Amino acid sequence: MCTVTFSPRQRGYALAMNRDELLTRAVGLPPSESIINGRRVLAPSEPGGGTWILLNESGVTFALIDWYSISSRVKIKTVSRGEVVKAVGSQTSALAAAETLAQLPLPRITVSTHRYFFQHE
């Protein structure tokens, strides 16, 4: 199970996250900088390119964790959870990220998810 730890600071916050500890899972790649929709982002990644946490140059952080208490409900045309983080990662605010998230085909994601937005003001 993935976990996110959020710790407010006088100036900003500290954020820590582990990804699924499944021993047969491929080793994640360290954080690297890239450009998504014209915005610089920093994120670790799966070997296939998806990610579970992202920080952009506007100070917006998006983290996605699994929730394994229900069985898979999607049978065809699934969407990778890793693409969800990348889709909202270029937004400049939690509100804009939420609006983008609302436009994604979330019912086609194979595992139900929780989502967390943080923005340093």
C-alpha atoms as a PDB file:
ATOM      1  CA  MET A   1       0.000   0.000   0.000  1.00  0.00           C
ATOM      2  CA  CYS A   2       1.241   3.506  -0.837  1.00  0.00           C
ATOM      3  CA  THR A   3       1.388   6.180   1.854  1.00  0.00           C
ATOM      4  CA  VAL A   4       1.809   9.960   1.768  1.00  0.00           C
ATOM      5  CA  THR A   5       3.189  12.009   4.649  1.00  0.00           C
ATOM      6  CA  PHE A   6       2.528  15.765   4.676  1.00  0.00           C
ATOM      7  CA  SER A   7       4.317  17.980   7.203  1.00  0.00           C
ATOM      8  CA  PRO A   8       3.613  21.739   7.190  1.00  0.00           C
ATOM      9  CA  ARG A   9       6.628  24.010   7.758  1.00  0.00           C
ATOM     10  CA  GLN A  10       6.978  27.731   8.406  1.00  0.00           C
ATOM     11  CA  ARG A  11       7.891  28.125   4.746  1.00  0.00           C
ATOM     12  CA  GLY A  12       6.066  25.512   2.676  1.00  0.00           C
ATOM     13  CA  TYR A  13       5.827  21.852   3.542  1.00  0.00           C
ATOM     14  CA  ALA A  14       7.716  18.572   3.491  1.00  0.00           C
ATOM     15  CA  LEU A  15       6.169  15.743   1.542  1.00  0.00           C
ATOM     16  CA  ALA A  16       7.225  12.100   1.564  1.00  0.00           C
ATOM     17  CA  MET A  17       5.722   9.141  -0.235  1.00  0.00           C
ATOM     18  CA  ASN A  18       6.439   5.486  -0.736  1.00  0.00           C
ATOM     19  CA  ARG A  19       5.067   3.580  -3.666  1.00  0.00           C
ATOM     20  CA  ASP A  20       3.559   0.125  -3.514  1.00  0.00           C
ATOM     21  CA  GLU A  21       5.931  -2.212  -1.686  1.00  0.00           C
ATOM     22  CA  LEU A  22       5.054  -5.233  -3.841  1.00  0.00           C
ATOM     23  CA  LEU A  23       8.369  -7.109  -4.056  1.00  0.00           C
ATOM     24  CA  THR A  24       7.823  -8.223  -7.655  1.00  0.00           C
ATOM     25  CA  ARG A  25       7.264  -4.653  -8.864  1.00  0.00           C
ATOM     26  CA  ALA A  26       9.968  -3.094 -11.059  1.00  0.00           C
ATOM     27  CA  VAL A  27      12.291  -0.675  -9.284  1.00  0.00           C
ATOM     28  CA  GLY A  28      11.147   2.951  -9.666  1.00  0.00           C
ATOM     29  CA  LEU A  29      13.426   5.448 -11.397  1.00  0.00           C
ATOM     30  CA  PRO A  30      14.748   8.430  -9.405  1.00  0.00           C
ATOM     31  CA  PRO A  31      13.158  11.873  -9.826  1.00  0.00           C
ATOM     32  CA  SER A  32      14.050  13.707 -12.996  1.00  0.00           C
ATOM     33  CA  GLU A  33      13.028  17.011 -14.512  1.00  0.00           C
ATOM     34  CA  SER A  34      10.833  17.133 -17.603  1.00  0.00           C
ATOM     35  CA  ILE A  35       8.374  19.413 -19.371  1.00  0.00           C
ATOM     36  CA  ILE A  36       4.637  18.655 -19.396  1.00  0.00           C
ATOM     37  CA  ASN A  37       2.377  21.058 -21.293  1.00  0.00           C
ATOM     38  CA  GLY A  38       5.126  23.702 -21.196  1.00  0.00           C
ATOM     39  CA  ARG A  39       5.679  23.505 -17.434  1.00  0.00           C
ATOM     40  CA  ARG A  40       8.789  22.138 -15.693  1.00  0.00           C
ATOM     41  CA  VAL A  41       8.020  19.202 -13.413  1.00  0.00           C
ATOM     42  CA  LEU A  42      10.048  16.954 -11.144  1.00  0.00           C
ATOM     43  CA  ALA A  43       8.918  13.353 -10.650  1.00  0.00           C
ATOM     44  CA  PRO A  44      10.160   9.810 -10.125  1.00  0.00           C
ATOM     45  CA  SER A  45       8.791   7.303 -12.622  1.00  0.00           C
ATOM     46  CA  GLU A  46       7.924   3.726 -13.374  1.00  0.00           C
ATOM     47  CA  PRO A  47      10.045   2.078 -16.090  1.00  0.00           C
ATOM     48  CA  GLY A  48       6.979   2.433 -18.378  1.00  0.00           C
ATOM     49  CA  GLY A  49       6.875   6.219 -17.847  1.00  0.00           C
ATOM     50  CA  GLY A  50       4.026   6.709 -15.355  1.00  0.00           C
ATOM     51  CA  THR A  51       4.526   8.375 -11.988  1.00  0.00           C
ATOM     52  CA  TRP A  52       2.881   8.421  -8.570  1.00  0.00           C
ATOM     53  CA  ILE A  53       3.972  11.886  -7.350  1.00  0.00           C
ATOM     54  CA  LEU A  54       4.914  15.113  -9.106  1.00  0.00           C
ATOM     55  CA  LEU A  55       5.976  18.664  -8.234  1.00  0.00           C
ATOM     56  CA  ASN A  56       5.817  21.485 -10.764  1.00  0.00           C
ATOM     57  CA  GLU A  57       7.505  24.881 -10.994  1.00  0.00           C
ATOM     58  CA  SER A  58       4.377  26.603  -9.605  1.00  0.00           C
ATOM     59  CA  GLY A  59       4.704  24.677  -6.346  1.00  0.00           C
ATOM     60  CA  VAL A  60       1.788  22.364  -7.080  1.00  0.00           C
ATOM     61  CA  THR A  61       2.264  18.776  -5.933  1.00  0.00           C
ATOM     62  CA  PHE A  62       0.024  15.899  -6.934  1.00  0.00           C
ATOM     63  CA  ALA A  63       0.237  12.454  -5.333  1.00  0.00           C
ATOM     64  CA  LEU A  64      -1.817   9.393  -6.154  1.00  0.00           C
ATOM     65  CA  ILE A  65      -2.150   6.404  -3.843  1.00  0.00           C
ATOM     66  CA  ASP A  66      -3.841   3.034  -4.297  1.00  0.00           C
ATOM     67  CA  TRP A  67      -6.892   1.837  -2.479  1.00  0.00           C
ATOM     68  CA  TYR A  68      -7.073  -1.944  -2.585  1.00  0.00           C
ATOM     69  CA  SER A  69     -10.279  -2.520  -0.632  1.00  0.00           C
ATOM     70  CA  ILE A  70     -12.370  -3.060  -3.784  1.00  0.00           C
ATOM     71  CA  SER A  71     -11.871  -5.340  -6.755  1.00  0.00           C
ATOM     72  CA  SER A  72     -11.131  -4.100 -10.243  1.00  0.00           C
ATOM     73  CA  ARG A  73     -14.251  -2.810 -11.990  1.00  0.00           C
ATOM     74  CA  VAL A  74     -12.855  -1.986 -15.436  1.00  0.00           C
ATOM     75  CA  LYS A  75     -12.983  -4.649 -18.116  1.00  0.00           C
ATOM     76  CA  ILE A  76     -11.962  -2.835 -21.348  1.00  0.00           C
ATOM     77  CA  LYS A  77      -9.933   0.196 -22.467  1.00  0.00           C
ATOM     78  CA  THR A  78      -8.227   0.794 -19.130  1.00  0.00           C
ATOM     79  CA  VAL A  79      -6.278   3.969 -18.329  1.00  0.00           C
ATOM     80  CA  SER A  80      -2.983   3.816 -16.411  1.00  0.00           C
ATOM     81  CA  ARG A  81      -3.057   5.526 -13.017  1.00  0.00           C
ATOM     82  CA  GLY A  82       0.394   6.904 -13.835  1.00  0.00           C
ATOM     83  CA  GLU A  83      -1.110   8.988 -16.613  1.00  0.00           C
ATOM     84  CA  VAL A  84      -3.468  10.722 -14.161  1.00  0.00           C
ATOM     85  CA  VAL A  85      -0.580  12.383 -12.318  1.00  0.00           C
ATOM     86  CA  LYS A  86       0.998  13.529 -15.570  1.00  0.00           C
ATOM     87  CA  ALA A  87      -2.316  14.926 -16.838  1.00  0.00           C
ATOM     88  CA  VAL A  88      -2.815  17.237 -13.864  1.00  0.00           C
ATOM     89  CA  GLY A  89       0.848  17.904 -13.086  1.00  0.00           C
ATOM     90  CA  SER A  90       1.171  20.958 -15.293  1.00  0.00           C
ATOM     91  CA  GLN A  91      -1.625  22.907 -13.602  1.00  0.00           C
ATOM     92  CA  THR A  92      -0.864  26.035 -11.559  1.00  0.00           C
ATOM     93  CA  SER A  93      -3.331  25.503  -8.728  1.00  0.00           C
ATOM     94  CA  ALA A  94      -5.257  22.816  -6.912  1.00  0.00           C
ATOM     95  CA  LEU A  95      -8.485  24.160  -8.445  1.00  0.00           C
ATOM     96  CA  ALA A  96      -7.129  23.919 -12.002  1.00  0.00           C
ATOM     97  CA  ALA A  97      -5.814  20.411 -11.271  1.00  0.00           C
ATOM     98  CA  ALA A  98      -9.223  19.361  -9.922  1.00  0.00           C
ATOM     99  CA  GLU A  99     -10.919  20.713 -13.062  1.00  0.00           C
ATOM    100  CA  THR A 100      -8.510  18.745 -15.264  1.00  0.00           C
ATOM    101  CA  LEU A 101      -9.046  15.652 -13.132  1.00  0.00           C
ATOM    102  CA  ALA A 102     -12.811  15.967 -13.578  1.00  0.00           C
ATOM    103  CA  GLN A 103     -12.334  15.705 -17.361  1.00  0.00           C
ATOM    104  CA  LEU A 104     -10.317  12.466 -17.234  1.00  0.00           C
ATOM    105  CA  PRO A 105     -11.921   9.040 -17.841  1.00  0.00           C
ATOM    106  CA  LEU A 106     -11.570   8.034 -14.175  1.00  0.00           C
ATOM    107  CA  PRO A 107     -14.149   5.211 -14.393  1.00  0.00           C
ATOM    108  CA  ARG A 108     -11.710   3.435 -16.762  1.00  0.00           C
ATOM    109  CA  ILE A 109      -8.927   3.296 -14.166  1.00  0.00           C
ATOM    110  CA  THR A 110      -8.480  -0.242 -12.908  1.00  0.00           C
ATOM    111  CA  VAL A 111      -8.175   0.536  -9.178  1.00  0.00           C
ATOM    112  CA  SER A 112     -10.109   3.173  -7.237  1.00  0.00           C
ATOM    113  CA  THR A 113      -7.825   6.005  -6.099  1.00  0.00           C
ATOM    114  CA  HIS A 114      -7.589   8.815  -3.603  1.00  0.00           C
ATOM    115  CA  ARG A 115      -5.929  12.051  -4.678  1.00  0.00           C
ATOM    116  CA  TYR A 116      -4.203  14.825  -2.798  1.00  0.00           C
ATOM    117  CA  PHE A 117      -3.336  18.350  -3.969  1.00  0.00           C
ATOM    118  CA  PHE A 118      -0.904  20.619  -2.164  1.00  0.00           C
ATOM    119  CA  GLN A 119       0.174  24.104  -3.189  1.00  0.00           C
ATOM    120  CA  HIS A 120       2.775  26.249  -1.503  1.00  0.00           C
ATOM    121  CA  GLU A 121       1.478  29.844  -1.370  1.00  0.00           C
END
